[in-house]
Amino acid sequence: MNHSIDDTGAHRAPQSRRPLTVALLMVALIVAFYLLREHWGHVAGLWPYLLLLACPLMHLVHGHCAHGRHTM
């Protein structure tokens, strides 16, 4: 796969992928909006559980970036 390199030396995705990615994200947002709009009564009751679930997930995601700096 050929990726272009910009002035900083970082690899970028090909230009032809960006419109497809943006279109898929927009469709996903529209679907999420309509699902939430129709089922808000069900989702509103789950907020405390979603918040509690987000805490350990954020701990796992945030903790992985500093593995090289751990001293044991």
PDB file of N, CA and C in Angstrom:
ATOM      1  N   MET A   1       0.845  -1.162   0.000  1.00  0.00           N
ATOM      2  CA  MET A   1       0.000   0.000   0.000  1.00  0.00           C
ATOM      3  C   MET A   1       0.897   1.233   0.000  1.00  0.00           C
ATOM      4  N   ASN A   2       0.613   2.166  -0.846  1.00  0.00           N
ATOM      5  CA  ASN A   2       1.410   3.371  -0.969  1.00  0.00           C
ATOM      6  C   ASN A   2       0.763   4.514  -0.219  1.00  0.00           C
ATOM      7  N   HIS A   3       1.435   5.033   0.788  1.00  0.00           N
ATOM      8  CA  HIS A   3       0.950   6.195   1.536  1.00  0.00           C
ATOM      9  C   HIS A   3       1.866   7.368   1.234  1.00  0.00           C
ATOM     10  N   SER A   4       1.273   8.539   1.130  1.00  0.00           N
ATOM     11  CA  SER A   4       2.094   9.724   0.891  1.00  0.00           C
ATOM     12  C   SER A   4       2.691  10.190   2.209  1.00  0.00           C
ATOM     13  N   ILE A   5       3.841  10.843   2.115  1.00  0.00           N
ATOM     14  CA  ILE A   5       4.537  11.360   3.291  1.00  0.00           C
ATOM     15  C   ILE A   5       4.531  12.878   3.197  1.00  0.00           C
ATOM     16  N   ASP A   6       4.079  13.547   4.278  1.00  0.00           N
ATOM     17  CA  ASP A   6       4.050  15.011   4.256  1.00  0.00           C
ATOM     18  C   ASP A   6       5.403  15.574   4.683  1.00  0.00           C
ATOM     19  N   ASP A   7       5.499  16.886   4.863  1.00  0.00           N
ATOM     20  CA  ASP A   7       6.761  17.556   5.175  1.00  0.00           C
ATOM     21  C   ASP A   7       7.363  17.106   6.499  1.00  0.00           C
ATOM     22  N   THR A   8       6.538  16.676   7.433  1.00  0.00           N
ATOM     23  CA  THR A   8       7.053  16.267   8.739  1.00  0.00           C
ATOM     24  C   THR A   8       7.522  14.815   8.738  1.00  0.00           C
ATOM     25  N   GLY A   9       7.277  14.089   7.662  1.00  0.00           N
ATOM     26  CA  GLY A   9       7.696  12.703   7.573  1.00  0.00           C
ATOM     27  C   GLY A   9       6.645  11.725   8.052  1.00  0.00           C
ATOM     28  N   ALA A  10       5.480  12.210   8.456  1.00  0.00           N
ATOM     29  CA  ALA A  10       4.410  11.338   8.936  1.00  0.00           C
ATOM     30  C   ALA A  10       3.635  10.764   7.758  1.00  0.00           C
ATOM     31  N   HIS A  11       3.161   9.549   7.915  1.00  0.00           N
ATOM     32  CA  HIS A  11       2.370   8.906   6.869  1.00  0.00           C
ATOM     33  C   HIS A  11       0.932   9.382   6.952  1.00  0.00           C
ATOM     34  N   ARG A  12       0.324   9.605   5.798  1.00  0.00           N
ATOM     35  CA  ARG A  12      -1.077  10.021   5.724  1.00  0.00           C
ATOM     36  C   ARG A  12      -1.852   9.004   4.921  1.00  0.00           C
ATOM     37  N   ALA A  13      -3.149   8.942   5.202  1.00  0.00           N
ATOM     38  CA  ALA A  13      -4.025   8.057   4.436  1.00  0.00           C
ATOM     39  C   ALA A  13      -4.213   8.627   3.035  1.00  0.00           C
ATOM     40  N   PRO A  14      -4.459   7.785   2.069  1.00  0.00           N
ATOM     41  CA  PRO A  14      -4.706   8.281   0.715  1.00  0.00           C
ATOM     42  C   PRO A  14      -5.928   9.189   0.675  1.00  0.00           C
ATOM     43  N   GLN A  15      -5.912  10.149  -0.230  1.00  0.00           N
ATOM     44  CA  GLN A  15      -6.998  11.124  -0.345  1.00  0.00           C
ATOM     45  C   GLN A  15      -8.337  10.457  -0.650  1.00  0.00           C
ATOM     46  N   SER A  16      -8.336   9.353  -1.375  1.00  0.00           N
ATOM     47  CA  SER A  16      -9.586   8.724  -1.776  1.00  0.00           C
ATOM     48  C   SER A  16     -10.332   8.101  -0.600  1.00  0.00           C
ATOM     49  N   ARG A  17      -9.683   7.846   0.521  1.00  0.00           N
ATOM     50  CA  ARG A  17     -10.325   7.254   1.687  1.00  0.00           C
ATOM     51  C   ARG A  17     -11.057   8.279   2.540  1.00  0.00           C
ATOM     52  N   ARG A  18     -10.640   9.489   2.550  1.00  0.00           N
ATOM     53  CA  ARG A  18     -11.214  10.495   3.443  1.00  0.00           C
ATOM     54  C   ARG A  18     -12.693  10.737   3.209  1.00  0.00           C
ATOM     55  N   PRO A  19     -13.168  10.923   1.988  1.00  0.00           N
ATOM     56  CA  PRO A  19     -14.609  11.151   1.801  1.00  0.00           C
ATOM     57  C   PRO A  19     -15.444   9.957   2.264  1.00  0.00           C
ATOM     58  N   LEU A  20     -14.969   8.769   2.042  1.00  0.00           N
ATOM     59  CA  LEU A  20     -15.688   7.576   2.479  1.00  0.00           C
ATOM     60  C   LEU A  20     -15.750   7.521   4.002  1.00  0.00           C
ATOM     61  N   THR A  21     -14.653   7.827   4.659  1.00  0.00           N
ATOM     62  CA  THR A  21     -14.622   7.829   6.118  1.00  0.00           C
ATOM     63  C   THR A  21     -15.576   8.872   6.676  1.00  0.00           C
ATOM     64  N   VAL A  22     -15.566  10.059   6.121  1.00  0.00           N
ATOM     65  CA  VAL A  22     -16.452  11.125   6.579  1.00  0.00           C
ATOM     66  C   VAL A  22     -17.909  10.730   6.354  1.00  0.00           C
ATOM     67  N   ALA A  23     -18.201  10.149   5.209  1.00  0.00           N
ATOM     68  CA  ALA A  23     -19.575   9.739   4.906  1.00  0.00           C
ATOM     69  C   ALA A  23     -20.051   8.659   5.872  1.00  0.00           C
ATOM     70  N   LEU A  24     -19.211   7.687   6.173  1.00  0.00           N
ATOM     71  CA  LEU A  24     -19.586   6.637   7.115  1.00  0.00           C
ATOM     72  C   LEU A  24     -19.789   7.182   8.525  1.00  0.00           C
ATOM     73  N   LEU A  25     -18.952   8.123   8.934  1.00  0.00           N
ATOM     74  CA  LEU A  25     -19.133   8.737  10.251  1.00  0.00           C
ATOM     75  C   LEU A  25     -20.438   9.531  10.319  1.00  0.00           C
ATOM     76  N   MET A  26     -20.774  10.219   9.263  1.00  0.00           N
ATOM     77  CA  MET A  26     -22.017  10.990   9.247  1.00  0.00           C
ATOM     78  C   MET A  26     -23.228  10.064   9.301  1.00  0.00           C
ATOM     79  N   VAL A  27     -23.186   8.966   8.565  1.00  0.00           N
ATOM     80  CA  VAL A  27     -24.291   8.001   8.605  1.00  0.00           C
ATOM     81  C   VAL A  27     -24.415   7.404  10.006  1.00  0.00           C
ATOM     82  N   ALA A  28     -23.297   7.085  10.630  1.00  0.00           N
ATOM     83  CA  ALA A  28     -23.323   6.539  11.987  1.00  0.00           C
ATOM     84  C   ALA A  28     -23.918   7.536  12.978  1.00  0.00           C
ATOM     85  N   LEU A  29     -23.577   8.811  12.829  1.00  0.00           N
ATOM     86  CA  LEU A  29     -24.143   9.842  13.707  1.00  0.00           C
ATOM     87  C   LEU A  29     -25.649   9.989  13.507  1.00  0.00           C
ATOM     88  N   ILE A  30     -26.095   9.939  12.269  1.00  0.00           N
ATOM     89  CA  ILE A  30     -27.526  10.058  11.984  1.00  0.00           C
ATOM     90  C   ILE A  30     -28.282   8.865  12.565  1.00  0.00           C
ATOM     91  N   VAL A  31     -27.738   7.662  12.404  1.00  0.00           N
ATOM     92  CA  VAL A  31     -28.381   6.461  12.959  1.00  0.00           C
ATOM     93  C   VAL A  31     -28.417   6.541  14.478  1.00  0.00           C
ATOM     94  N   ALA A  32     -27.321   6.961  15.101  1.00  0.00           N
ATOM     95  CA  ALA A  32     -27.281   7.092  16.559  1.00  0.00           C
ATOM     96  C   ALA A  32     -28.303   8.121  17.033  1.00  0.00           C
ATOM     97  N   PHE A  33     -28.437   9.233  16.312  1.00  0.00           N
ATOM     98  CA  PHE A  33     -29.413  10.262  16.690  1.00  0.00           C
ATOM     99  C   PHE A  33     -30.830   9.700  16.683  1.00  0.00           C
ATOM    100  N   TYR A  34     -31.198   9.016  15.612  1.00  0.00           N
ATOM    101  CA  TYR A  34     -32.559   8.483  15.526  1.00  0.00           C
ATOM    102  C   TYR A  34     -32.803   7.362  16.534  1.00  0.00           C
ATOM    103  N   LEU A  35     -31.809   6.535  16.789  1.00  0.00           N
ATOM    104  CA  LEU A  35     -31.975   5.490  17.797  1.00  0.00           C
ATOM    105  C   LEU A  35     -32.162   6.096  19.183  1.00  0.00           C
ATOM    106  N   LEU A  36     -31.347   7.096  19.504  1.00  0.00           N
ATOM    107  CA  LEU A  36     -31.485   7.751  20.811  1.00  0.00           C
ATOM    108  C   LEU A  36     -32.806   8.485  20.919  1.00  0.00           C
ATOM    109  N   ARG A  37     -33.250   9.091  19.840  1.00  0.00           N
ATOM    110  CA  ARG A  37     -34.506   9.829  19.865  1.00  0.00           C
ATOM    111  C   ARG A  37     -35.693   8.904  20.125  1.00  0.00           C
ATOM    112  N   GLU A  38     -35.674   7.730  19.524  1.00  0.00           N
ATOM    113  CA  GLU A  38     -36.780   6.792  19.679  1.00  0.00           C
ATOM    114  C   GLU A  38     -36.721   6.011  20.995  1.00  0.00           C
ATOM    115  N   HIS A  39     -35.533   5.820  21.534  1.00  0.00           N
ATOM    116  CA  HIS A  39     -35.382   4.973  22.716  1.00  0.00           C
ATOM    117  C   HIS A  39     -34.783   5.727  23.896  1.00  0.00           C
ATOM    118  N   TRP A  40     -35.027   7.027  23.993  1.00  0.00           N
ATOM    119  CA  TRP A  40     -34.420   7.836  25.043  1.00  0.00           C
ATOM    120  C   TRP A  40     -34.852   7.374  26.437  1.00  0.00           C
ATOM    121  N   GLY A  41     -36.086   6.934  26.581  1.00  0.00           N
ATOM    122  CA  GLY A  41     -36.563   6.469  27.882  1.00  0.00           C
ATOM    123  C   GLY A  41     -35.764   5.279  28.392  1.00  0.00           C
ATOM    124  N   HIS A  42     -35.351   4.415  27.502  1.00  0.00           N
ATOM    125  CA  HIS A  42     -34.551   3.260  27.909  1.00  0.00           C
ATOM    126  C   HIS A  42     -33.116   3.662  28.215  1.00  0.00           C
ATOM    127  N   VAL A  43     -32.562   4.539  27.407  1.00  0.00           N
ATOM    128  CA  VAL A  43     -31.158   4.940  27.561  1.00  0.00           C
ATOM    129  C   VAL A  43     -30.973   5.806  28.802  1.00  0.00           C
ATOM    130  N   ALA A  44     -31.947   6.667  29.109  1.00  0.00           N
ATOM    131  CA  ALA A  44     -31.811   7.571  30.248  1.00  0.00           C
ATOM    132  C   ALA A  44     -31.672   6.804  31.557  1.00  0.00           C
ATOM    133  N   GLY A  45     -32.281   5.645  31.655  1.00  0.00           N
ATOM    134  CA  GLY A  45     -32.153   4.853  32.867  1.00  0.00           C
ATOM    135  C   GLY A  45     -30.806   4.171  33.010  1.00  0.00           C
ATOM    136  N   LEU A  46     -30.035   4.118  31.945  1.00  0.00           N
ATOM    137  CA  LEU A  46     -28.741   3.433  31.969  1.00  0.00           C
ATOM    138  C   LEU A  46     -27.553   4.362  32.233  1.00  0.00           C
ATOM    139  N   TRP A  47     -27.772   5.677  32.294  1.00  0.00           N
ATOM    140  CA  TRP A  47     -26.653   6.612  32.450  1.00  0.00           C
ATOM    141  C   TRP A  47     -25.763   6.313  33.648  1.00  0.00           C
ATOM    142  N   PRO A  48     -26.314   6.036  34.844  1.00  0.00           N
ATOM    143  CA  PRO A  48     -25.411   5.739  35.979  1.00  0.00           C
ATOM    144  C   PRO A  48     -24.524   4.518  35.714  1.00  0.00           C
ATOM    145  N   TYR A  49     -25.082   3.504  35.076  1.00  0.00           N
ATOM    146  CA  TYR A  49     -24.302   2.301  34.791  1.00  0.00           C
ATOM    147  C   TYR A  49     -23.258   2.570  33.707  1.00  0.00           C
ATOM    148  N   LEU A  50     -23.611   3.359  32.718  1.00  0.00           N
ATOM    149  CA  LEU A  50     -22.649   3.699  31.664  1.00  0.00           C
ATOM    150  C   LEU A  50     -21.494   4.519  32.232  1.00  0.00           C
ATOM    151  N   LEU A  51     -21.793   5.407  33.175  1.00  0.00           N
ATOM    152  CA  LEU A  51     -20.746   6.203  33.812  1.00  0.00           C
ATOM    153  C   LEU A  51     -19.817   5.307  34.618  1.00  0.00           C
ATOM    154  N   LEU A  52     -20.396   4.369  35.366  1.00  0.00           N
ATOM    155  CA  LEU A  52     -19.568   3.444  36.137  1.00  0.00           C
ATOM    156  C   LEU A  52     -18.749   2.535  35.232  1.00  0.00           C
ATOM    157  N   LEU A  53     -19.279   2.152  34.109  1.00  0.00           N
ATOM    158  CA  LEU A  53     -18.548   1.323  33.155  1.00  0.00           C
ATOM    159  C   LEU A  53     -17.428   2.122  32.481  1.00  0.00           C
ATOM    160  N   ALA A  54     -17.638   3.404  32.288  1.00  0.00           N
ATOM    161  CA  ALA A  54     -16.628   4.237  31.624  1.00  0.00           C
ATOM    162  C   ALA A  54     -15.386   4.411  32.489  1.00  0.00           C
ATOM    163  N   CYS A  55     -15.527   4.381  33.802  1.00  0.00           N
ATOM    164  CA  CYS A  55     -14.379   4.601  34.690  1.00  0.00           C
ATOM    165  C   CYS A  55     -13.279   3.550  34.485  1.00  0.00           C
ATOM    166  N   PRO A  56     -13.585   2.248  34.595  1.00  0.00           N
ATOM    167  CA  PRO A  56     -12.497   1.281  34.376  1.00  0.00           C
ATOM    168  C   PRO A  56     -11.999   1.261  32.930  1.00  0.00           C
ATOM    169  N   LEU A  57     -12.884   1.527  31.978  1.00  0.00           N
ATOM    170  CA  LEU A  57     -12.438   1.560  30.588  1.00  0.00           C
ATOM    171  C   LEU A  57     -11.451   2.701  30.357  1.00  0.00           C
ATOM    172  N   MET A  58     -11.746   3.869  30.912  1.00  0.00           N
ATOM    173  CA  MET A  58     -10.824   4.995  30.764  1.00  0.00           C
ATOM    174  C   MET A  58      -9.509   4.712  31.492  1.00  0.00           C
ATOM    175  N   HIS A  59      -9.585   4.016  32.616  1.00  0.00           N
ATOM    176  CA  HIS A  59      -8.370   3.653  33.335  1.00  0.00           C
ATOM    177  C   HIS A  59      -7.498   2.746  32.473  1.00  0.00           C
ATOM    178  N   LEU A  60      -8.109   1.780  31.805  1.00  0.00           N
ATOM    179  CA  LEU A  60      -7.351   0.877  30.945  1.00  0.00           C
ATOM    180  C   LEU A  60      -6.754   1.597  29.743  1.00  0.00           C
ATOM    181  N   VAL A  61      -7.553   2.438  29.100  1.00  0.00           N
ATOM    182  CA  VAL A  61      -7.092   3.141  27.904  1.00  0.00           C
ATOM    183  C   VAL A  61      -6.032   4.169  28.255  1.00  0.00           C
ATOM    184  N   HIS A  62      -6.251   4.921  29.313  1.00  0.00           N
ATOM    185  CA  HIS A  62      -5.322   5.989  29.676  1.00  0.00           C
ATOM    186  C   HIS A  62      -4.022   5.431  30.239  1.00  0.00           C
ATOM    187  N   GLY A  63      -4.078   4.307  30.901  1.00  0.00           N
ATOM    188  CA  GLY A  63      -2.887   3.757  31.530  1.00  0.00           C
ATOM    189  C   GLY A  63      -1.898   3.140  30.570  1.00  0.00           C
ATOM    190  N   HIS A  64      -2.283   2.831  29.346  1.00  0.00           N
ATOM    191  CA  HIS A  64      -1.385   2.150  28.421  1.00  0.00           C
ATOM    192  C   HIS A  64      -0.365   3.077  27.773  1.00  0.00           C
ATOM    193  N   CYS A  65      -0.543   4.356  27.832  1.00  0.00           N
ATOM    194  CA  CYS A  65       0.382   5.250  27.122  1.00  0.00           C
ATOM    195  C   CYS A  65       1.683   5.461  27.876  1.00  0.00           C
ATOM    196  N   ALA A  66       1.782   5.076  29.144  1.00  0.00           N
ATOM    197  CA  ALA A  66       2.973   5.372  29.930  1.00  0.00           C
ATOM    198  C   ALA A  66       3.759   4.126  30.326  1.00  0.00           C
ATOM    199  N   HIS A  67       3.632   3.025  29.572  1.00  0.00           N
ATOM    200  CA  HIS A  67       4.299   1.796  29.962  1.00  0.00           C
ATOM    201  C   HIS A  67       5.810   1.923  29.969  1.00  0.00           C
ATOM    202  N   GLY A  68       6.374   2.727  29.124  1.00  0.00           N
ATOM    203  CA  GLY A  68       7.825   2.862  29.087  1.00  0.00           C
ATOM    204  C   GLY A  68       8.383   3.624  30.266  1.00  0.00           C
ATOM    205  N   ARG A  69       7.577   4.321  31.020  1.00  0.00           N
ATOM    206  CA  ARG A  69       8.057   5.151  32.115  1.00  0.00           C
ATOM    207  C   ARG A  69       7.835   4.533  33.483  1.00  0.00           C
ATOM    208  N   HIS A  70       7.308   3.316  33.542  1.00  0.00           N
ATOM    209  CA  HIS A  70       7.105   2.674  34.839  1.00  0.00           C
ATOM    210  C   HIS A  70       8.440   2.261  35.435  1.00  0.00           C
ATOM    211  N   THR A  71       8.610   2.487  36.720  1.00  0.00           N
ATOM    212  CA  THR A  71       9.825   2.046  37.406  1.00  0.00           C
ATOM    213  C   THR A  71       9.418   0.998  38.415  1.00  0.00           C
ATOM    214  N   MET A  72       9.979  -0.179  38.277  1.00  0.00           N
ATOM    215  CA  MET A  72       9.671  -1.270  39.214  1.00  0.00           C
ATOM    216  C   MET A  72      10.934  -1.855  39.738  1.00  0.00           C
TER     217      MET A  72
END
